[in-house]
Amino acid sequence: MVKQFLLASDFDQTLSFNDSGVVLSELIGFHGFHDKVVPPDHIVGTRFRYNEATGEVESIVRASAGWGKITVLEEIRATLGISHDHIIYMGDGSSDLPVMMHVNQHDGLTIAVSEAKYITKVARRTVLSDSAMSVLVPVLEEVLRWDSVRIRRMFASYGLTLREWDKTRTDMLTIQDAALSVPVAAASHTP
């Protein structure tokens, strides 16, 4: 039985940069990545209606930012017949929060590729790297259930080495002396 997944990303070139999309496609047995990614009809964005005489925007036909991304994702998912738990969504900004919460609610995989606190708190996984290939790691672990040895071997087969791979969860804290947090007016008050 072949499992189908919907991999959605809102940031430019995530899966085309350094051929990470090609690598992932080949791993799952699909060899026509560029045929599916390059055509403009596979790119969904905000659509405007323009005034033909002035070229100015008259109205929005479709807004796919923020909550609109959920609508677009659901249309694609339904058209492809993909179950909710087979959605992988990658995002890097605040406009990804609604769709990430939606995907999480339905047991899909969400991956943040940003250090922004608001998105890393919502995403199931966060990947920080200078290489676009890094987004493959959580997909290989979570979807294909590969262990770290197999993942390293796969990267090596493409001439890449995972030099640093810190699997940590970071709590970001600010701790200060209680005396320093007393309001100035209260601190200067004498009995």
N, C-alpha and C. Protein backbone atom coordinates (compact mmCIF):
# COMPACT_ATOMS: atom_id res chain seq x y z
N MET A 1 0.84 -1.18 0.00
CA MET A 1 0.00 0.00 0.00
C MET A 1 0.89 1.25 0.00
N VAL A 2 0.62 2.16 -0.89
CA VAL A 2 1.39 3.39 -1.01
C VAL A 2 0.74 4.47 -0.16
N LYS A 3 1.52 5.11 0.70
CA LYS A 3 1.03 6.22 1.51
C LYS A 3 1.32 7.52 0.77
N GLN A 4 0.34 8.40 0.75
CA GLN A 4 0.52 9.69 0.12
C GLN A 4 0.54 10.76 1.19
N PHE A 5 1.44 11.73 1.00
CA PHE A 5 1.56 12.85 1.93
C PHE A 5 1.49 14.14 1.13
N LEU A 6 0.97 15.15 1.77
CA LEU A 6 0.95 16.49 1.20
C LEU A 6 1.99 17.31 1.95
N LEU A 7 3.00 17.76 1.24
CA LEU A 7 4.05 18.59 1.82
C LEU A 7 3.81 20.01 1.37
N ALA A 8 3.51 20.89 2.30
CA ALA A 8 3.21 22.28 1.98
C ALA A 8 4.18 23.20 2.68
N SER A 9 4.60 24.23 1.98
CA SER A 9 5.55 25.20 2.50
C SER A 9 5.15 26.56 1.99
N ASP A 10 5.27 27.57 2.85
CA ASP A 10 4.89 28.89 2.38
C ASP A 10 6.07 29.77 2.03
N PHE A 11 7.27 29.32 2.26
CA PHE A 11 8.40 30.20 2.00
C PHE A 11 9.11 29.77 0.72
N ASP A 12 9.54 30.77 -0.01
CA ASP A 12 10.12 30.56 -1.33
C ASP A 12 11.35 29.66 -1.30
N GLN A 13 11.41 28.77 -2.23
CA GLN A 13 12.57 27.94 -2.53
C GLN A 13 12.95 26.94 -1.44
N THR A 14 12.10 26.73 -0.44
CA THR A 14 12.46 25.79 0.62
C THR A 14 12.79 24.43 0.05
N LEU A 15 11.96 23.93 -0.85
CA LEU A 15 12.18 22.59 -1.36
C LEU A 15 12.90 22.57 -2.70
N SER A 16 13.17 23.72 -3.26
CA SER A 16 13.92 23.71 -4.51
C SER A 16 15.37 24.10 -4.29
N PHE A 17 15.66 24.76 -3.16
CA PHE A 17 17.02 25.18 -2.84
C PHE A 17 17.87 23.95 -2.53
N ASN A 18 19.02 23.86 -3.15
CA ASN A 18 19.95 22.74 -2.96
C ASN A 18 19.31 21.38 -3.21
N ASP A 19 18.28 21.35 -4.03
CA ASP A 19 17.63 20.11 -4.44
C ASP A 19 17.07 19.28 -3.30
N SER A 20 16.73 19.88 -2.15
CA SER A 20 16.18 19.10 -1.05
C SER A 20 14.86 18.46 -1.42
N GLY A 21 14.04 19.13 -2.21
CA GLY A 21 12.78 18.54 -2.66
C GLY A 21 12.99 17.35 -3.57
N VAL A 22 14.00 17.43 -4.42
CA VAL A 22 14.34 16.33 -5.31
C VAL A 22 14.76 15.11 -4.50
N VAL A 23 15.61 15.34 -3.50
CA VAL A 23 16.10 14.24 -2.66
C VAL A 23 14.94 13.57 -1.94
N LEU A 24 14.08 14.36 -1.31
CA LEU A 24 12.94 13.80 -0.59
C LEU A 24 12.03 13.04 -1.54
N SER A 25 11.76 13.60 -2.71
CA SER A 25 10.91 12.93 -3.68
C SER A 25 11.47 11.57 -4.09
N GLU A 26 12.76 11.53 -4.35
CA GLU A 26 13.38 10.26 -4.75
C GLU A 26 13.31 9.24 -3.62
N LEU A 27 13.46 9.69 -2.38
CA LEU A 27 13.40 8.78 -1.24
C LEU A 27 12.04 8.10 -1.12
N ILE A 28 10.99 8.82 -1.48
CA ILE A 28 9.66 8.23 -1.38
C ILE A 28 9.20 7.62 -2.70
N GLY A 29 10.10 7.55 -3.66
CA GLY A 29 9.80 6.85 -4.91
C GLY A 29 9.17 7.70 -5.99
N PHE A 30 9.19 9.03 -5.83
CA PHE A 30 8.63 9.92 -6.85
C PHE A 30 9.78 10.60 -7.58
N HIS A 31 9.81 10.49 -8.89
CA HIS A 31 10.94 11.02 -9.66
C HIS A 31 10.58 12.19 -10.57
N GLY A 32 9.46 12.86 -10.34
CA GLY A 32 9.07 13.99 -11.17
C GLY A 32 8.89 15.26 -10.38
N PHE A 33 9.79 15.53 -9.43
CA PHE A 33 9.65 16.68 -8.55
C PHE A 33 9.48 17.99 -9.31
N HIS A 34 10.36 18.26 -10.27
CA HIS A 34 10.30 19.54 -10.98
C HIS A 34 9.02 19.67 -11.80
N ASP A 35 8.47 18.57 -12.24
CA ASP A 35 7.20 18.62 -12.97
C ASP A 35 6.05 19.05 -12.07
N LYS A 36 6.16 18.77 -10.78
CA LYS A 36 5.10 19.12 -9.84
C LYS A 36 5.31 20.47 -9.17
N VAL A 37 6.52 20.96 -9.11
CA VAL A 37 6.80 22.19 -8.37
C VAL A 37 6.87 23.41 -9.27
N VAL A 38 7.46 23.28 -10.40
CA VAL A 38 7.74 24.44 -11.26
C VAL A 38 6.50 25.09 -11.85
N PRO A 39 5.50 24.34 -12.31
CA PRO A 39 4.36 24.99 -12.97
C PRO A 39 3.66 26.01 -12.05
N PRO A 40 3.34 27.17 -12.60
CA PRO A 40 2.67 28.21 -11.80
C PRO A 40 1.34 27.76 -11.20
N ASP A 41 0.67 26.79 -11.82
CA ASP A 41 -0.61 26.35 -11.28
C ASP A 41 -0.45 25.57 -9.97
N HIS A 42 0.78 25.28 -9.58
CA HIS A 42 1.03 24.61 -8.31
C HIS A 42 1.47 25.59 -7.23
N ILE A 43 1.47 26.86 -7.55
CA ILE A 43 1.82 27.89 -6.59
C ILE A 43 0.55 28.67 -6.27
N VAL A 44 0.20 28.69 -5.00
CA VAL A 44 -1.03 29.34 -4.58
C VAL A 44 -0.65 30.58 -3.79
N GLY A 45 -1.17 31.71 -4.20
CA GLY A 45 -0.88 32.96 -3.52
C GLY A 45 -2.10 33.85 -3.53
N THR A 46 -1.95 35.02 -2.97
CA THR A 46 -3.04 35.98 -2.97
C THR A 46 -3.27 36.46 -4.41
N ARG A 47 -4.55 36.49 -4.78
CA ARG A 47 -4.91 36.93 -6.13
C ARG A 47 -5.68 38.23 -6.05
N PHE A 48 -5.34 39.13 -6.97
CA PHE A 48 -5.98 40.44 -7.00
C PHE A 48 -6.74 40.64 -8.30
N ARG A 49 -7.74 41.52 -8.27
CA ARG A 49 -8.42 41.96 -9.48
C ARG A 49 -7.90 43.37 -9.74
N TYR A 50 -7.39 43.58 -10.95
CA TYR A 50 -6.79 44.86 -11.30
C TYR A 50 -7.70 45.67 -12.22
N ASN A 51 -7.60 46.97 -12.11
CA ASN A 51 -8.29 47.87 -13.02
C ASN A 51 -7.47 47.89 -14.31
N GLU A 52 -8.06 47.47 -15.41
CA GLU A 52 -7.32 47.38 -16.67
C GLU A 52 -6.79 48.72 -17.16
N ALA A 53 -7.52 49.79 -16.88
CA ALA A 53 -7.10 51.11 -17.35
C ALA A 53 -5.94 51.67 -16.54
N THR A 54 -5.99 51.51 -15.22
CA THR A 54 -4.97 52.13 -14.38
C THR A 54 -3.92 51.14 -13.87
N GLY A 55 -4.25 49.86 -13.89
CA GLY A 55 -3.34 48.85 -13.36
C GLY A 55 -3.37 48.76 -11.85
N GLU A 56 -4.26 49.51 -11.21
CA GLU A 56 -4.36 49.51 -9.76
C GLU A 56 -5.19 48.32 -9.28
N VAL A 57 -4.92 47.89 -8.05
CA VAL A 57 -5.69 46.80 -7.45
C VAL A 57 -7.09 47.31 -7.13
N GLU A 58 -8.09 46.58 -7.63
CA GLU A 58 -9.48 46.93 -7.34
C GLU A 58 -10.02 46.14 -6.15
N SER A 59 -9.65 44.88 -6.08
CA SER A 59 -10.14 44.04 -4.99
C SER A 59 -9.28 42.79 -4.87
N ILE A 60 -9.48 42.11 -3.77
CA ILE A 60 -8.80 40.84 -3.56
C ILE A 60 -9.74 39.72 -3.98
N VAL A 61 -9.27 38.86 -4.87
CA VAL A 61 -10.05 37.72 -5.31
C VAL A 61 -9.90 36.59 -4.29
N ARG A 62 -8.68 36.40 -3.81
CA ARG A 62 -8.40 35.35 -2.84
C ARG A 62 -7.18 35.75 -2.02
N ALA A 63 -7.31 35.66 -0.71
CA ALA A 63 -6.17 35.93 0.18
C ALA A 63 -5.74 34.61 0.80
N SER A 64 -4.51 34.23 0.54
CA SER A 64 -4.03 32.95 1.07
C SER A 64 -3.07 33.12 2.22
N ALA A 65 -2.97 34.30 2.77
CA ALA A 65 -2.12 34.50 3.95
C ALA A 65 -2.93 34.22 5.21
N GLY A 66 -2.24 33.91 6.30
CA GLY A 66 -2.91 33.69 7.58
C GLY A 66 -3.97 32.60 7.50
N TRP A 67 -5.19 32.93 7.90
CA TRP A 67 -6.28 31.95 7.92
C TRP A 67 -6.61 31.45 6.52
N GLY A 68 -6.35 32.24 5.50
CA GLY A 68 -6.60 31.81 4.12
C GLY A 68 -5.76 30.61 3.72
N LYS A 69 -4.63 30.42 4.37
CA LYS A 69 -3.77 29.27 4.05
C LYS A 69 -4.47 27.96 4.41
N ILE A 70 -5.30 27.99 5.45
CA ILE A 70 -6.04 26.79 5.83
C ILE A 70 -6.99 26.40 4.71
N THR A 71 -7.68 27.38 4.16
CA THR A 71 -8.62 27.11 3.06
C THR A 71 -7.89 26.52 1.87
N VAL A 72 -6.77 27.11 1.50
CA VAL A 72 -5.99 26.61 0.36
C VAL A 72 -5.49 25.20 0.64
N LEU A 73 -4.94 24.98 1.82
CA LEU A 73 -4.42 23.66 2.19
C LEU A 73 -5.54 22.62 2.16
N GLU A 74 -6.71 22.96 2.68
CA GLU A 74 -7.83 22.02 2.69
C GLU A 74 -8.33 21.72 1.28
N GLU A 75 -8.33 22.71 0.41
CA GLU A 75 -8.74 22.47 -1.00
C GLU A 75 -7.78 21.50 -1.68
N ILE A 76 -6.49 21.71 -1.48
CA ILE A 76 -5.48 20.82 -2.09
C ILE A 76 -5.60 19.42 -1.49
N ARG A 77 -5.73 19.35 -0.17
CA ARG A 77 -5.84 18.06 0.51
C ARG A 77 -7.05 17.27 0.02
N ALA A 78 -8.19 17.94 -0.08
CA ALA A 78 -9.41 17.27 -0.53
C ALA A 78 -9.29 16.82 -1.99
N THR A 79 -8.71 17.66 -2.83
CA THR A 79 -8.53 17.32 -4.24
C THR A 79 -7.66 16.09 -4.41
N LEU A 80 -6.62 16.00 -3.60
CA LEU A 80 -5.69 14.87 -3.68
C LEU A 80 -6.17 13.65 -2.91
N GLY A 81 -7.17 13.82 -2.07
CA GLY A 81 -7.66 12.71 -1.26
C GLY A 81 -6.69 12.29 -0.17
N ILE A 82 -5.97 13.25 0.40
CA ILE A 82 -4.99 13.00 1.45
C ILE A 82 -5.67 13.15 2.80
N SER A 83 -5.39 12.25 3.74
CA SER A 83 -5.95 12.39 5.07
C SER A 83 -5.20 13.48 5.84
N HIS A 84 -5.88 14.06 6.81
CA HIS A 84 -5.29 15.16 7.57
C HIS A 84 -3.97 14.80 8.24
N ASP A 85 -3.86 13.57 8.72
CA ASP A 85 -2.65 13.20 9.42
C ASP A 85 -1.47 12.95 8.48
N HIS A 86 -1.70 13.11 7.19
CA HIS A 86 -0.62 12.97 6.20
C HIS A 86 -0.22 14.30 5.59
N ILE A 87 -0.45 15.37 6.35
CA ILE A 87 -0.03 16.70 5.92
C ILE A 87 1.25 17.06 6.66
N ILE A 88 2.22 17.57 5.92
CA ILE A 88 3.46 18.10 6.48
C ILE A 88 3.49 19.58 6.09
N TYR A 89 3.55 20.45 7.07
CA TYR A 89 3.55 21.88 6.79
C TYR A 89 4.78 22.53 7.39
N MET A 90 5.49 23.30 6.59
CA MET A 90 6.68 24.00 7.05
C MET A 90 6.45 25.51 6.94
N GLY A 91 6.81 26.22 7.98
CA GLY A 91 6.61 27.66 7.95
C GLY A 91 7.67 28.40 8.74
N ASP A 92 7.69 29.71 8.51
CA ASP A 92 8.73 30.52 9.14
C ASP A 92 8.25 31.84 9.71
N GLY A 93 6.93 32.08 9.73
CA GLY A 93 6.47 33.38 10.19
C GLY A 93 5.10 33.35 10.83
N SER A 94 4.67 34.51 11.30
CA SER A 94 3.40 34.61 12.03
C SER A 94 2.19 34.23 11.17
N SER A 95 2.27 34.41 9.87
CA SER A 95 1.13 34.04 9.02
C SER A 95 0.97 32.53 8.91
N ASP A 96 1.93 31.77 9.43
CA ASP A 96 1.84 30.30 9.43
C ASP A 96 1.17 29.75 10.68
N LEU A 97 0.99 30.56 11.69
CA LEU A 97 0.43 30.08 12.95
C LEU A 97 -0.95 29.45 12.80
N PRO A 98 -1.91 30.09 12.13
CA PRO A 98 -3.23 29.46 12.01
C PRO A 98 -3.18 28.09 11.31
N VAL A 99 -2.44 27.99 10.23
CA VAL A 99 -2.39 26.72 9.50
C VAL A 99 -1.63 25.67 10.30
N MET A 100 -0.60 26.08 11.04
CA MET A 100 0.12 25.11 11.87
C MET A 100 -0.78 24.57 12.97
N MET A 101 -1.57 25.43 13.59
CA MET A 101 -2.49 24.96 14.62
C MET A 101 -3.53 24.01 14.03
N HIS A 102 -3.99 24.32 12.83
CA HIS A 102 -4.94 23.46 12.13
C HIS A 102 -4.33 22.09 11.84
N VAL A 103 -3.13 22.07 11.31
CA VAL A 103 -2.45 20.81 10.98
C VAL A 103 -2.17 20.01 12.25
N ASN A 104 -1.72 20.68 13.31
CA ASN A 104 -1.47 19.99 14.58
C ASN A 104 -2.74 19.36 15.14
N GLN A 105 -3.84 20.08 15.02
CA GLN A 105 -5.12 19.59 15.53
C GLN A 105 -5.52 18.27 14.88
N HIS A 106 -5.08 18.07 13.65
CA HIS A 106 -5.43 16.86 12.90
C HIS A 106 -4.27 15.88 12.80
N ASP A 107 -3.31 15.99 13.72
CA ASP A 107 -2.19 15.05 13.83
C ASP A 107 -1.24 15.06 12.65
N GLY A 108 -1.15 16.17 11.94
CA GLY A 108 -0.15 16.31 10.89
C GLY A 108 1.17 16.73 11.50
N LEU A 109 2.17 16.92 10.67
CA LEU A 109 3.51 17.32 11.12
C LEU A 109 3.76 18.76 10.74
N THR A 110 4.11 19.58 11.74
CA THR A 110 4.45 20.97 11.47
C THR A 110 5.92 21.19 11.83
N ILE A 111 6.60 21.92 10.96
CA ILE A 111 8.03 22.17 11.13
C ILE A 111 8.28 23.68 11.02
N ALA A 112 8.86 24.24 12.07
CA ALA A 112 9.25 25.65 12.04
C ALA A 112 10.69 25.73 11.56
N VAL A 113 10.97 26.69 10.72
CA VAL A 113 12.33 26.91 10.25
C VAL A 113 12.75 28.33 10.61
N SER A 114 12.41 28.71 11.81
CA SER A 114 12.69 30.05 12.30
C SER A 114 12.86 29.97 13.81
N GLU A 115 13.66 30.88 14.36
CA GLU A 115 13.85 30.92 15.81
C GLU A 115 12.77 31.73 16.50
N ALA A 116 11.84 32.30 15.74
CA ALA A 116 10.80 33.14 16.34
C ALA A 116 10.00 32.34 17.36
N LYS A 117 9.91 32.87 18.59
CA LYS A 117 9.27 32.16 19.69
C LYS A 117 7.83 31.77 19.36
N TYR A 118 7.10 32.67 18.75
CA TYR A 118 5.68 32.41 18.50
C TYR A 118 5.45 31.23 17.57
N ILE A 119 6.38 30.94 16.69
CA ILE A 119 6.18 29.82 15.77
C ILE A 119 6.78 28.53 16.32
N THR A 120 7.89 28.63 17.04
CA THR A 120 8.51 27.41 17.58
C THR A 120 7.67 26.80 18.69
N LYS A 121 6.86 27.61 19.35
CA LYS A 121 5.97 27.08 20.40
C LYS A 121 4.82 26.28 19.80
N VAL A 122 4.45 26.56 18.58
CA VAL A 122 3.31 25.89 17.93
C VAL A 122 3.76 24.68 17.12
N ALA A 123 4.87 24.80 16.43
CA ALA A 123 5.33 23.71 15.56
C ALA A 123 5.73 22.48 16.37
N ARG A 124 5.45 21.30 15.82
CA ARG A 124 5.86 20.07 16.49
C ARG A 124 7.37 19.89 16.46
N ARG A 125 8.01 20.38 15.40
CA ARG A 125 9.46 20.29 15.26
C ARG A 125 9.98 21.64 14.81
N THR A 126 11.20 21.95 15.20
CA THR A 126 11.88 23.16 14.75
C THR A 126 13.24 22.76 14.24
N VAL A 127 13.60 23.28 13.08
CA VAL A 127 14.90 23.00 12.48
C VAL A 127 15.56 24.34 12.18
N LEU A 128 16.76 24.51 12.71
CA LEU A 128 17.54 25.72 12.45
C LEU A 128 18.83 25.30 11.79
N SER A 129 19.04 25.79 10.59
CA SER A 129 20.22 25.42 9.83
C SER A 129 20.41 26.39 8.68
N ASP A 130 21.62 26.45 8.18
CA ASP A 130 21.90 27.25 6.99
C ASP A 130 21.58 26.47 5.72
N SER A 131 21.32 25.19 5.85
CA SER A 131 21.05 24.35 4.69
C SER A 131 19.57 24.01 4.59
N ALA A 132 19.00 24.21 3.42
CA ALA A 132 17.60 23.86 3.18
C ALA A 132 17.39 22.35 3.28
N MET A 133 18.44 21.57 3.14
CA MET A 133 18.34 20.12 3.25
C MET A 133 17.93 19.70 4.67
N SER A 134 18.13 20.57 5.63
CA SER A 134 17.83 20.24 7.02
C SER A 134 16.35 19.94 7.25
N VAL A 135 15.46 20.48 6.42
CA VAL A 135 14.03 20.21 6.61
C VAL A 135 13.69 18.74 6.37
N LEU A 136 14.60 18.02 5.72
CA LEU A 136 14.37 16.60 5.48
C LEU A 136 14.46 15.78 6.76
N VAL A 137 15.27 16.22 7.72
CA VAL A 137 15.51 15.43 8.93
C VAL A 137 14.22 15.10 9.68
N PRO A 138 13.40 16.09 10.05
CA PRO A 138 12.17 15.72 10.77
C PRO A 138 11.21 14.90 9.92
N VAL A 139 11.20 15.11 8.61
CA VAL A 139 10.33 14.33 7.73
C VAL A 139 10.79 12.87 7.72
N LEU A 140 12.09 12.66 7.62
CA LEU A 140 12.62 11.30 7.62
C LEU A 140 12.37 10.62 8.97
N GLU A 141 12.51 11.37 10.05
CA GLU A 141 12.29 10.79 11.39
C GLU A 141 10.81 10.53 11.67
N GLU A 142 9.98 11.53 11.44
CA GLU A 142 8.57 11.45 11.83
C GLU A 142 7.72 10.66 10.84
N VAL A 143 7.97 10.82 9.56
CA VAL A 143 7.12 10.19 8.55
C VAL A 143 7.65 8.81 8.16
N LEU A 144 8.93 8.75 7.82
CA LEU A 144 9.49 7.47 7.39
C LEU A 144 10.03 6.63 8.55
N ARG A 145 10.06 7.24 9.76
CA ARG A 145 10.51 6.54 10.97
C ARG A 145 11.96 6.05 10.89
N TRP A 146 12.81 6.84 10.24
CA TRP A 146 14.22 6.49 10.13
C TRP A 146 14.93 6.89 11.42
N ASP A 147 15.94 6.09 11.79
CA ASP A 147 16.77 6.45 12.93
C ASP A 147 17.92 7.34 12.45
N SER A 148 18.68 7.88 13.39
CA SER A 148 19.73 8.83 13.04
C SER A 148 20.83 8.21 12.18
N VAL A 149 21.12 6.92 12.38
CA VAL A 149 22.15 6.25 11.57
C VAL A 149 21.72 6.22 10.10
N ARG A 150 20.49 5.84 9.87
CA ARG A 150 20.00 5.77 8.48
C ARG A 150 19.94 7.16 7.84
N ILE A 151 19.55 8.15 8.62
CA ILE A 151 19.49 9.52 8.09
C ILE A 151 20.89 10.00 7.72
N ARG A 152 21.85 9.75 8.57
CA ARG A 152 23.23 10.15 8.27
C ARG A 152 23.74 9.45 7.01
N ARG A 153 23.42 8.18 6.87
CA ARG A 153 23.84 7.44 5.67
C ARG A 153 23.21 8.02 4.41
N MET A 154 21.94 8.39 4.50
CA MET A 154 21.27 8.98 3.34
C MET A 154 21.95 10.28 2.93
N PHE A 155 22.22 11.14 3.90
CA PHE A 155 22.91 12.40 3.59
C PHE A 155 24.28 12.11 2.98
N ALA A 156 25.00 11.14 3.54
CA ALA A 156 26.32 10.77 3.02
C ALA A 156 26.23 10.27 1.58
N SER A 157 25.15 9.58 1.24
CA SER A 157 25.01 9.08 -0.13
C SER A 157 24.88 10.22 -1.14
N TYR A 158 24.54 11.41 -0.66
CA TYR A 158 24.47 12.60 -1.52
C TYR A 158 25.68 13.50 -1.32
N GLY A 159 26.70 12.97 -0.64
CA GLY A 159 27.93 13.73 -0.44
C GLY A 159 27.83 14.78 0.65
N LEU A 160 26.89 14.62 1.56
CA LEU A 160 26.69 15.58 2.65
C LEU A 160 26.96 14.91 3.99
N THR A 161 27.43 15.69 4.94
CA THR A 161 27.71 15.17 6.28
C THR A 161 26.93 15.99 7.30
N LEU A 162 26.25 15.30 8.20
CA LEU A 162 25.60 15.97 9.31
C LEU A 162 26.65 16.14 10.40
N ARG A 163 27.31 17.28 10.40
CA ARG A 163 28.41 17.50 11.35
C ARG A 163 27.89 17.77 12.74
N GLU A 164 26.90 18.63 12.84
CA GLU A 164 26.33 18.95 14.15
C GLU A 164 24.84 18.71 14.10
N TRP A 165 24.36 17.89 15.00
CA TRP A 165 22.94 17.58 15.07
C TRP A 165 22.57 17.53 16.53
N ASP A 166 22.16 18.65 17.05
CA ASP A 166 21.78 18.74 18.45
C ASP A 166 20.28 18.55 18.58
N LYS A 167 19.90 17.43 19.14
CA LYS A 167 18.48 17.16 19.38
C LYS A 167 18.15 17.62 20.78
N THR A 168 17.84 18.88 20.90
CA THR A 168 17.54 19.43 22.22
C THR A 168 16.27 20.26 22.16
N ARG A 169 15.66 20.40 23.29
CA ARG A 169 14.54 21.32 23.43
C ARG A 169 15.06 22.43 24.31
N THR A 170 14.94 23.64 23.88
CA THR A 170 15.50 24.77 24.61
C THR A 170 14.40 25.56 25.28
N ASP A 171 14.51 25.73 26.58
CA ASP A 171 13.61 26.62 27.31
C ASP A 171 14.28 27.98 27.36
N MET A 172 13.59 28.99 26.90
CA MET A 172 14.16 30.34 26.92
C MET A 172 13.62 31.05 28.16
N LEU A 173 14.50 31.39 29.07
CA LEU A 173 14.12 31.98 30.34
C LEU A 173 14.82 33.30 30.57
N THR A 174 14.15 34.16 31.32
CA THR A 174 14.79 35.38 31.83
C THR A 174 14.59 35.35 33.33
N ILE A 175 15.66 35.35 34.07
CA ILE A 175 15.58 35.33 35.53
C ILE A 175 16.33 36.54 36.04
N GLN A 176 15.68 37.25 36.95
CA GLN A 176 16.36 38.41 37.49
C GLN A 176 16.14 38.47 38.99
N ASP A 177 16.97 39.21 39.68
CA ASP A 177 16.89 39.38 41.12
C ASP A 177 15.56 40.05 41.45
N ALA A 178 14.84 39.52 42.43
CA ALA A 178 13.53 40.06 42.80
C ALA A 178 13.63 41.52 43.22
N ALA A 179 14.72 41.91 43.87
CA ALA A 179 14.88 43.30 44.31
C ALA A 179 14.94 44.24 43.12
N LEU A 180 15.44 43.77 41.99
CA LEU A 180 15.53 44.61 40.80
C LEU A 180 14.19 44.78 40.11
N SER A 181 13.23 43.93 40.42
CA SER A 181 11.94 44.01 39.73
C SER A 181 10.92 44.83 40.51
N VAL A 182 11.31 45.41 41.65
CA VAL A 182 10.43 46.25 42.44
C VAL A 182 10.24 47.57 41.69
N PRO A 183 8.98 48.04 41.53
CA PRO A 183 8.76 49.32 40.84
C PRO A 183 9.53 50.45 41.52
N VAL A 184 9.98 51.41 40.74
CA VAL A 184 10.80 52.52 41.25
C VAL A 184 10.06 53.31 42.32
N ALA A 185 8.77 53.59 42.13
CA ALA A 185 8.02 54.36 43.10
C ALA A 185 7.97 53.64 44.44
N ALA A 186 7.79 52.35 44.43
CA ALA A 186 7.72 51.56 45.67
C ALA A 186 9.09 51.49 46.33
N ALA A 187 10.13 51.44 45.57
CA ALA A 187 11.47 51.33 46.11
C ALA A 187 11.89 52.62 46.81
N SER A 188 11.39 53.76 46.36
CA SER A 188 11.81 55.03 46.95
C SER A 188 10.90 55.45 48.10
N HIS A 189 9.86 54.69 48.38
CA HIS A 189 8.93 55.00 49.46
C HIS A 189 9.57 54.68 50.81
N THR A 190 9.53 55.64 51.75
CA THR A 190 10.07 55.39 53.08
C THR A 190 8.93 55.39 54.08
N PRO A 191 8.96 54.49 55.09
CA PRO A 191 7.87 54.44 56.07
C PRO A 191 7.88 55.58 57.05
